[in-house]
Structures are given as structure tokens and as C-alpha cells.
Amino acid sequence: MNKYLNTIQKFSRQDKTASLITKGLEDVVRASLYKNYSRTNLVEKFSIDGDYDEKNSKILKSMLGFCAEKTGSRVPKNSTDIAMCFSNQMFETIFNSIVVETLSNVMVKAQPAQMLAMADIKNVGVGESETYEIESKALPVMQRASYNNNVILMDTFSKQSMTIVPKPWGGAVTIDYLQMLNNDFDFGREIARIAMAMLVAQYKLIAGIIFDTATISGTPFYNATWTPANYVKLAQYLKTFNGDPSVVAYGTMSAFSALSMLATSSFGNNVQDKVINDGYIGRIYGVDSVLIDQATNYTEALTSDNIDSQLIVPDDKLVLLSNAGGKPVKLVRENYVRVIHSDQTQGSQARLQYSFFNSFDAGLATQAYYGIQNVTA
């Protein structure tokens, strides 16, 4: 039977040793994120002083020693000791308080460039939401006045409110606590996997919203097929109606490669050679091309039939954005991570299963226009 695991929130603020351990573990987790997941561009560059493995081992031993001291347990030296420690509910509570606080700190500080290209990120407290006020871009209608006739003036000012309420997302992991005594156990990576899963879920949510053609289908800001005239016109629309001269296209390498081949099909060898050498054209008909790296959530074993469905960002679309009005998507997430512990008697005796939860949600909240271009002829 599942039970909520009690944690001591922000306890490191009152305990200097706990604060040092939490900070050290946070550094290890952020370093592990960059070490193992830098190719996703969802994590920031981060390195630690000294050897990673050595610091990872010291932090884990410090955690075990600190939890044992606070609960009057014997510092674990062998498998029997550590089994007895994790049978102590207070030991496990303090241990997971460090993990939860570390995860919360890592998630609050995570401002991935990939997400920020398409969305603004707002961290809020537990149970809080964020409301965005969206004003109309329309100008007041100027009407001819008359001294002799009554004139009805039309009110063209409007404002809409949109509230984004974070919703819980969760995922479970299992940890064999007997491995914690081994010097080759990468505890930092175990926590980094949880943080990475949360970031990937947020990235998938953002990409799913902004690349959804149904949202803007039927408007002049969506091109189902590509022609040079339509692409230039789309950029001009965005510049004109947003009142901003900067329009940038975002997409994957595959999307820009497909568009580059379409755009240079009637040009000479020199231009086509650039596509062959670089994979894409960095500026197409006056619009800069900015690559968004592809990502996956690794939800199932990959096969030739499902591999494309595991990609988060569409490879057949580009999104055109301007700097006006902020990013179209707003991601709102809580600044706290919860944990639920499943009874270890349901599985292996030496393995602990934890479900980690973080609440977040995203939505379209902007007064700026954006466009979507399919990369099909």
C-alpha cells in the first residue's frame, strides 16, 4: 500500500550540515545532468571542482552519516547496517528530505534554452497559479463626429485574463539501497534521471502546444505547404501585425534541411553545396534559422515502426516568432517536489520505490502573433 512519505521541508535552512550536504548534492546532480544529457540542450553547462566520482561518493556517505547521527542509528558500514537504517522511518524521512529539497532547487534553477526559445517559465509556490492579462492589439476605431447627429462610439478596448494552474505530474524510480555502500554507485545520476524526466515532460508539453497547427489553422499565420511567396508573406505578416521587425524561424535540423532543399531547388551548385555541407541554410528569404535540438522521452523500446513517434519536436514544421509580446507559451510550475514511497515488501526487499511529483502546466498566453510553416511543397 502506498503511503505519503513525510519530509522536512527546507530543513537545511536551520541545519548547517544539512545545508552543506544539500548544496553538494545539488552540484553533483547538475553536473550529472550536463554530463549525461547535454545533447538535449535542456540542461545548462555545469561542472564541479575536482573529480565527479569522488565528490559523488563523499556526498552519499555524508548523507548516510548525517541521517544516522540524527536518528541515533549506527553509521552504515555493511549491508546489514544500511538495511537497518532504511527500516527506520525517521532515517528515511531525513534522507528523502535531502533528496526532495535538492530536486526542488534543481528544478527551480532549470531555465533550459530550448524551452525559453518558445516559452516563458514562471515558478510559483505550492497551490499557487499565475494569471496573465492579455490586452487587445486593436486600435480604437476613429469615427467622424457630427454636431447635428448623435454618434455611437464603438468601444474597441478589450482585455482577457488567462490563468494557468499547475497540475501534478509524476514518475516512479526504484533504488537498491545496498548499492549505496559501493563506491561505483552514481547517486547523483539517479536523482538527475528524475529531474531530466520532469524537464523532458515540460519540453514535450511546450512543443505540443506551439507546434499544434489546429490552434492557428484557418488564419494567415499558417502555411500548410511551402512556396517562397507564402514564406515571405508570412514573415511580413508577423512583422507588420506585431509591430516588430525581428522574425526568427525555429525548428529541428531535419525541418530546416527539408525547407532548405525546397528553397534552393532552382539555384546553382554553390547554394546547394552549402546545404550539403551544413545540412541547412542559416537564413532563408530574410528569416534567420535557429535550430532546436530534437529530444525524446524514452518511454518505450525503440523500433523502426515507432521511432519517429518518440520524437518530441515535429520534423515537418517550423514556428516563426518575433520578440513582441513575450513568448507565446507560458509554463507555470511549482517550486516543490513531492515524494511517495511504496512499501518495499511489495517488491524486492532491498529495493525502494519512490514516486516523485512536480506540478506544472502550460498554455498559450500572449498578445503577439506567431506562425507555423509546414516544410512540404
Protein backbone atom coordinates (compact mmCIF):
# COMPACT_ATOMS: atom_id res chain seq x y z
CA MET A 1 0.00 0.00 0.00
CA ASN A 2 1.37 3.39 -0.97
CA LYS A 3 1.91 6.00 1.69
CA TYR A 4 2.97 9.61 1.60
CA LEU A 5 6.48 9.88 2.90
CA ASN A 6 6.88 12.65 5.41
CA THR A 7 9.64 15.10 4.57
CA ILE A 8 11.00 18.02 6.48
CA GLN A 9 10.63 20.99 4.16
CA LYS A 10 13.53 23.43 3.92
CA PHE A 11 15.12 21.86 6.99
CA SER A 12 18.59 22.69 5.67
CA ARG A 13 17.96 26.35 6.43
CA GLN A 14 18.16 25.53 10.13
CA ASP A 15 20.94 22.95 9.97
CA LYS A 16 24.34 23.98 8.66
CA THR A 17 25.48 20.42 7.97
CA ALA A 18 22.28 19.62 6.08
CA SER A 19 22.73 22.83 4.07
CA LEU A 20 26.23 21.80 3.01
CA ILE A 21 25.07 18.31 2.06
CA THR A 22 22.11 19.63 0.06
CA LYS A 23 24.32 22.13 -1.77
CA GLY A 24 26.91 19.44 -2.51
CA LEU A 25 24.28 17.02 -3.80
CA GLU A 26 22.74 19.77 -5.92
CA ASP A 27 26.14 20.40 -7.55
CA VAL A 28 26.56 16.67 -8.23
CA VAL A 29 23.07 16.41 -9.78
CA ARG A 30 23.54 19.46 -12.01
CA ALA A 31 26.95 18.17 -13.10
CA SER A 32 25.41 14.77 -13.86
CA LEU A 33 22.62 16.40 -15.87
CA TYR A 34 25.14 18.17 -18.07
CA LYS A 35 27.44 15.15 -18.25
CA ASN A 36 24.73 12.70 -19.35
CA TYR A 37 22.07 14.86 -21.03
CA SER A 38 23.86 17.86 -22.55
CA ARG A 39 22.88 16.79 -26.06
CA THR A 40 19.24 17.63 -25.31
CA ASN A 41 20.07 21.30 -24.60
CA LEU A 42 17.57 21.07 -21.74
CA VAL A 43 20.29 21.49 -19.13
CA GLU A 44 22.77 24.24 -18.50
CA LYS A 45 26.52 23.75 -18.58
CA PHE A 46 27.75 22.96 -15.09
CA SER A 47 30.94 21.47 -13.68
CA ILE A 48 32.22 20.78 -10.19
CA ASP A 49 35.64 21.29 -8.70
CA GLY A 50 37.64 18.10 -8.56
CA ASP A 51 36.70 14.58 -9.59
CA TYR A 52 32.98 13.89 -10.07
CA ASP A 53 33.08 10.27 -8.84
CA GLU A 54 34.97 11.23 -5.71
CA LYS A 55 32.56 14.02 -4.82
CA ASN A 56 29.56 11.81 -5.59
CA SER A 57 30.88 9.16 -3.20
CA LYS A 58 31.65 11.68 -0.44
CA ILE A 59 28.21 13.29 -0.66
CA LEU A 60 26.42 9.93 -0.42
CA LYS A 61 28.50 8.86 2.58
CA SER A 62 27.87 12.24 4.21
CA MET A 63 24.13 11.83 3.70
CA LEU A 64 24.12 8.36 5.26
CA GLY A 65 26.27 9.51 8.18
CA PHE A 66 24.15 12.62 8.78
CA CYS A 67 20.87 10.67 8.75
CA ALA A 68 22.32 8.04 11.08
CA GLU A 69 23.53 10.69 13.53
CA LYS A 70 20.17 12.47 13.60
CA THR A 71 18.26 9.24 14.29
CA GLY A 72 20.68 7.63 16.72
CA SER A 73 21.46 4.84 14.26
CA ARG A 74 24.84 3.29 13.63
CA VAL A 75 26.65 4.73 10.61
CA PRO A 76 26.18 2.03 7.96
CA LYS A 77 29.32 0.05 7.14
CA ASN A 78 27.80 -3.06 5.59
CA SER A 79 24.58 -4.33 4.03
CA THR A 80 23.06 -5.23 7.40
CA ASP A 81 23.68 -1.74 8.79
CA ILE A 82 22.13 0.03 5.82
CA ALA A 83 19.11 -2.31 5.81
CA MET A 84 18.50 -1.44 9.46
CA CYS A 85 18.87 2.28 8.69
CA PHE A 86 16.24 2.26 5.95
CA SER A 87 13.93 0.29 8.24
CA ASN A 88 13.96 3.35 10.48
CA GLN A 89 11.19 5.67 9.27
CA MET A 90 12.88 8.80 10.63
CA PHE A 91 16.15 7.89 8.89
CA GLU A 92 14.31 7.51 5.60
CA THR A 93 12.39 10.74 6.19
CA ILE A 94 15.57 12.77 6.68
CA PHE A 95 17.29 11.03 3.76
CA ASN A 96 14.42 11.83 1.40
CA SER A 97 14.12 15.36 2.74
CA ILE A 98 17.60 15.98 1.34
CA VAL A 99 16.66 14.40 -1.99
CA VAL A 100 13.38 16.33 -2.29
CA GLU A 101 14.95 19.66 -1.36
CA THR A 102 17.77 19.06 -3.84
CA LEU A 103 15.33 18.20 -6.63
CA SER A 104 13.23 21.28 -5.87
CA ASN A 105 16.31 23.52 -6.04
CA VAL A 106 17.47 21.95 -9.31
CA MET A 107 14.05 22.34 -10.95
CA VAL A 108 13.68 25.98 -9.87
CA LYS A 109 17.09 26.85 -11.31
CA ALA A 110 16.48 24.98 -14.58
CA GLN A 111 15.93 27.53 -17.33
CA PRO A 112 16.63 25.49 -20.49
CA ALA A 113 17.47 27.48 -23.61
CA GLN A 114 15.35 25.08 -25.66
CA MET A 115 12.25 25.91 -23.64
CA LEU A 116 12.96 29.61 -23.32
CA ALA A 117 13.07 29.87 -27.12
CA MET A 118 9.35 29.14 -27.19
CA ALA A 119 8.06 29.76 -23.67
CA ASP A 120 8.38 31.95 -20.61
CA ILE A 121 8.92 29.99 -17.38
CA LYS A 122 7.36 31.04 -14.07
CA ASN A 123 7.99 29.28 -10.74
CA VAL A 124 5.22 29.57 -8.15
CA GLY A 125 4.61 28.28 -4.63
CA VAL A 126 2.68 25.14 -3.80
CA GLY A 127 -1.03 25.53 -4.64
CA GLU A 128 -0.48 28.83 -6.45
CA SER A 129 -1.29 29.73 -10.06
CA GLU A 130 -0.35 32.50 -12.46
CA THR A 131 -2.76 34.84 -14.27
CA TYR A 132 -1.77 36.63 -17.47
CA GLU A 133 -3.55 39.77 -18.66
CA ILE A 134 -3.75 39.89 -22.46
CA GLU A 135 -4.63 43.25 -23.95
CA SER A 136 -6.11 43.74 -27.39
CA LYS A 137 -3.71 44.86 -30.14
CA ALA A 138 -6.56 46.63 -31.90
CA LEU A 139 -6.54 50.42 -32.10
CA PRO A 140 -9.61 52.49 -31.19
CA VAL A 141 -11.89 52.99 -34.18
CA MET A 142 -11.74 56.63 -35.30
CA GLN A 143 -15.17 57.82 -36.42
CA ARG A 144 -16.31 61.07 -37.95
CA ALA A 145 -18.04 63.26 -35.39
CA SER A 146 -21.10 65.41 -36.09
CA TYR A 147 -22.52 68.45 -34.34
CA ASN A 148 -26.05 67.73 -35.57
CA ASN A 149 -26.42 63.95 -35.18
CA ASN A 150 -25.85 61.58 -32.30
CA VAL A 151 -22.83 59.35 -32.91
CA ILE A 152 -22.35 55.97 -31.23
CA LEU A 153 -18.68 55.49 -30.42
CA MET A 154 -17.58 51.86 -30.63
CA ASP A 155 -15.51 50.55 -27.72
CA THR A 156 -12.59 48.60 -29.18
CA PHE A 157 -10.55 48.14 -26.00
CA SER A 158 -10.62 44.67 -24.51
CA LYS A 159 -8.56 42.67 -22.08
CA GLN A 160 -8.62 38.95 -21.42
CA SER A 161 -7.30 37.06 -18.44
CA MET A 162 -5.82 33.59 -18.64
CA THR A 163 -4.95 31.61 -15.53
CA ILE A 164 -2.57 28.66 -15.70
CA VAL A 165 -2.93 26.23 -12.80
CA PRO A 166 -0.07 23.73 -12.29
CA LYS A 167 -1.22 20.10 -12.47
CA PRO A 168 0.64 17.16 -10.88
CA TRP A 169 2.97 15.04 -12.98
CA GLY A 170 4.80 12.07 -11.55
CA GLY A 171 7.14 9.22 -12.27
CA ALA A 172 8.49 6.29 -10.24
CA VAL A 173 12.03 5.03 -9.76
CA THR A 174 13.50 2.21 -7.70
CA ILE A 175 16.76 2.38 -5.78
CA ASP A 176 18.67 -0.57 -4.38
CA TYR A 177 19.91 0.79 -1.08
CA LEU A 178 22.54 -1.95 -0.77
CA GLN A 179 24.39 -0.35 -3.70
CA MET A 180 24.79 2.86 -1.75
CA LEU A 181 27.78 1.39 0.05
CA ASN A 182 29.55 0.71 -3.25
CA ASN A 183 31.94 3.34 -4.50
CA ASP A 184 30.68 2.82 -8.07
CA PHE A 185 27.05 3.79 -7.31
CA ASP A 186 26.20 7.05 -9.09
CA PHE A 187 23.58 8.51 -6.76
CA GLY A 188 23.81 11.89 -8.46
CA ARG A 189 22.75 10.34 -11.76
CA GLU A 190 19.79 8.58 -10.11
CA ILE A 191 18.42 11.94 -9.00
CA ALA A 192 19.42 13.55 -12.30
CA ARG A 193 17.27 10.99 -14.13
CA ILE A 194 14.25 12.16 -12.18
CA ALA A 195 14.99 15.83 -12.89
CA MET A 196 15.60 15.08 -16.57
CA ALA A 197 12.29 13.21 -16.85
CA MET A 198 10.49 16.27 -15.46
CA LEU A 199 12.28 18.63 -17.85
CA VAL A 200 11.51 16.40 -20.85
CA ALA A 201 7.83 16.29 -19.87
CA GLN A 202 7.77 20.10 -19.68
CA TYR A 203 9.55 20.39 -23.04
CA LYS A 204 7.08 17.97 -24.62
CA LEU A 205 4.17 19.98 -23.24
CA ILE A 206 5.54 23.25 -24.65
CA ALA A 207 6.37 21.79 -28.07
CA GLY A 208 2.97 20.12 -28.28
CA ILE A 209 1.25 23.47 -27.73
CA ILE A 210 3.27 25.74 -30.01
CA PHE A 211 3.53 23.30 -32.95
CA ASP A 212 -0.19 22.47 -32.84
CA THR A 213 -1.43 23.61 -36.24
CA ALA A 214 -5.07 23.25 -35.15
CA THR A 215 -4.59 26.29 -32.92
CA ILE A 216 -3.97 28.67 -35.82
CA SER A 217 -5.38 26.72 -38.77
CA GLY A 218 -7.54 28.95 -40.97
CA THR A 219 -5.53 32.08 -40.20
CA PRO A 220 -3.00 33.87 -42.46
CA PHE A 221 -0.29 32.77 -39.99
CA TYR A 222 -0.35 29.12 -41.06
CA ASN A 223 1.08 27.74 -44.31
CA ALA A 224 0.19 24.09 -44.92
CA THR A 225 2.57 23.99 -47.91
CA TRP A 226 5.70 25.94 -48.75
CA THR A 227 6.31 28.41 -51.52
CA PRO A 228 8.80 31.30 -51.50
CA ALA A 229 5.99 33.85 -51.81
CA ASN A 230 3.98 32.36 -48.93
CA TYR A 231 7.03 32.17 -46.65
CA VAL A 232 8.00 35.79 -47.29
CA LYS A 233 4.38 36.87 -46.84
CA LEU A 234 4.14 35.01 -43.51
CA ALA A 235 7.24 36.79 -42.20
CA GLN A 236 5.85 40.11 -43.40
CA TYR A 237 2.53 39.49 -41.65
CA LEU A 238 4.28 38.81 -38.35
CA LYS A 239 6.50 41.90 -38.66
CA THR A 240 3.57 44.14 -39.53
CA PHE A 241 0.92 42.96 -37.10
CA ASN A 242 3.32 42.53 -34.19
CA GLY A 243 4.96 45.88 -34.88
CA ASP A 244 8.37 44.27 -34.55
CA PRO A 245 10.96 43.90 -37.33
CA SER A 246 12.52 40.73 -35.91
CA VAL A 247 11.12 37.41 -37.10
CA VAL A 248 13.04 34.18 -36.47
CA ALA A 249 12.20 30.63 -37.52
CA TYR A 250 12.72 27.78 -35.02
CA GLY A 251 12.86 24.11 -35.95
CA THR A 252 14.89 20.92 -36.00
CA MET A 253 17.78 20.14 -38.32
CA SER A 254 15.53 17.81 -40.32
CA ALA A 255 12.88 20.52 -40.76
CA PHE A 256 15.38 23.18 -41.88
CA SER A 257 17.14 20.70 -44.17
CA ALA A 258 13.85 19.90 -45.88
CA LEU A 259 12.99 23.59 -46.24
CA SER A 260 16.49 24.43 -47.49
CA MET A 261 16.22 21.82 -50.23
CA LEU A 262 12.87 23.30 -51.29
CA ALA A 263 14.18 26.85 -51.18
CA THR A 264 17.32 26.14 -53.24
CA SER A 265 15.93 23.63 -55.75
CA SER A 266 16.21 26.08 -58.63
CA PHE A 267 19.50 27.67 -57.59
CA GLY A 268 23.04 26.92 -58.66
CA ASN A 269 25.51 24.39 -57.33
CA ASN A 270 27.16 26.82 -54.90
CA VAL A 271 23.96 27.33 -52.91
CA GLN A 272 23.09 23.63 -52.98
CA ASP A 273 26.61 22.75 -51.89
CA LYS A 274 26.06 24.85 -48.76
CA VAL A 275 23.02 22.73 -47.90
CA ILE A 276 25.04 19.58 -48.43
CA ASN A 277 27.93 20.83 -46.30
CA ASP A 278 25.98 22.43 -43.43
CA GLY A 279 22.73 20.49 -43.60
CA TYR A 280 20.60 23.63 -43.88
CA ILE A 281 20.62 27.33 -44.80
CA GLY A 282 21.12 29.71 -41.89
CA ARG A 283 18.98 32.46 -43.41
CA ILE A 284 16.14 31.72 -45.82
CA TYR A 285 14.44 34.58 -47.65
CA GLY A 286 15.38 37.09 -44.96
CA VAL A 287 14.35 34.91 -41.99
CA ASP A 288 17.07 33.59 -39.66
CA SER A 289 17.05 29.86 -38.96
CA VAL A 290 17.54 28.83 -35.31
CA LEU A 291 17.99 25.14 -34.61
CA ILE A 292 16.01 23.42 -31.87
CA ASP A 293 17.62 20.13 -30.89
CA GLN A 294 15.43 17.09 -31.04
CA ALA A 295 14.61 15.22 -27.82
CA THR A 296 12.81 12.08 -26.72
CA ASN A 297 11.22 10.85 -23.51
CA TYR A 298 12.49 7.25 -23.94
CA THR A 299 9.09 5.87 -22.99
CA GLU A 300 9.46 2.53 -24.75
CA ALA A 301 11.89 0.31 -26.59
CA LEU A 302 12.69 1.80 -29.99
CA THR A 303 11.73 0.01 -33.20
CA SER A 304 11.71 1.08 -36.83
CA ASP A 305 7.93 1.48 -36.58
CA ASN A 306 7.74 3.73 -33.51
CA ILE A 307 10.99 5.69 -33.57
CA ASP A 308 9.51 8.82 -35.18
CA SER A 309 6.63 8.86 -32.73
CA GLN A 310 9.12 9.06 -29.85
CA LEU A 311 10.47 12.43 -31.05
CA ILE A 312 9.16 15.45 -29.17
CA VAL A 313 9.61 18.26 -31.71
CA PRO A 314 7.94 17.82 -35.13
CA ASP A 315 10.42 17.42 -38.01
CA ASP A 316 7.94 18.68 -40.60
CA LYS A 317 7.13 22.13 -39.17
CA LEU A 318 8.81 25.43 -38.35
CA VAL A 319 7.47 28.03 -35.94
CA LEU A 320 8.10 31.72 -36.71
CA LEU A 321 8.31 34.05 -33.70
CA SER A 322 9.01 37.71 -33.06
CA ASN A 323 10.22 39.43 -29.90
CA ALA A 324 6.96 41.31 -29.38
CA GLY A 325 4.64 40.42 -26.52
CA GLY A 326 6.79 37.76 -24.90
CA LYS A 327 6.91 34.08 -25.83
CA PRO A 328 3.58 32.56 -26.93
CA VAL A 329 3.65 29.72 -24.39
CA LYS A 330 3.78 30.24 -20.63
CA LEU A 331 4.99 27.39 -18.42
CA VAL A 332 3.98 27.64 -14.76
CA ARG A 333 5.48 25.14 -12.30
CA GLU A 334 5.53 24.73 -8.54
CA ASN A 335 8.81 25.17 -6.69
CA TYR A 336 8.42 21.99 -4.66
CA VAL A 337 8.74 18.27 -5.44
CA ARG A 338 6.72 15.66 -3.54
CA VAL A 339 7.63 12.03 -2.95
CA ILE A 340 5.53 8.91 -2.29
CA HIS A 341 7.11 5.70 -1.03
CA SER A 342 5.77 2.28 -1.97
CA ASP A 343 6.08 -0.43 0.67
CA GLN A 344 9.26 -2.37 -0.03
CA THR A 345 7.56 -5.68 0.84
CA GLN A 346 5.68 -5.42 -2.46
CA GLY A 347 8.91 -5.86 -4.39
CA SER A 348 12.48 -6.77 -3.73
CA GLN A 349 13.36 -6.41 -0.08
CA ALA A 350 16.48 -4.36 -0.85
CA ARG A 351 14.85 -2.05 -3.38
CA LEU A 352 12.89 1.06 -2.51
CA GLN A 353 10.35 2.50 -4.93
CA TYR A 354 9.68 6.23 -4.89
CA SER A 355 7.25 8.25 -6.97
CA PHE A 356 8.26 11.88 -7.41
CA PHE A 357 5.68 14.53 -8.26
CA ASN A 358 6.04 18.07 -9.55
CA SER A 359 3.06 20.20 -10.59
CA PHE A 360 3.24 22.24 -13.81
CA ASP A 361 1.16 23.22 -16.80
CA ALA A 362 1.48 25.40 -19.89
CA GLY A 363 -0.82 27.39 -22.13
CA LEU A 364 -0.95 29.98 -24.88
CA ALA A 365 -0.95 33.40 -23.25
CA THR A 366 0.33 36.18 -25.46
CA GLN A 367 -0.77 39.20 -27.42
CA ALA A 368 1.81 38.53 -30.12
CA TYR A 369 1.10 36.65 -33.31
CA TYR A 370 3.21 33.67 -34.37
CA GLY A 371 3.20 31.49 -37.46
CA ILE A 372 3.68 27.85 -38.43
CA GLN A 373 5.21 26.74 -41.71
CA ASN A 374 4.94 23.15 -42.92
CA VAL A 375 8.05 22.04 -44.79
CA THR A 376 6.18 20.31 -47.61
CA ALA A 377 5.86 21.53 -51.16
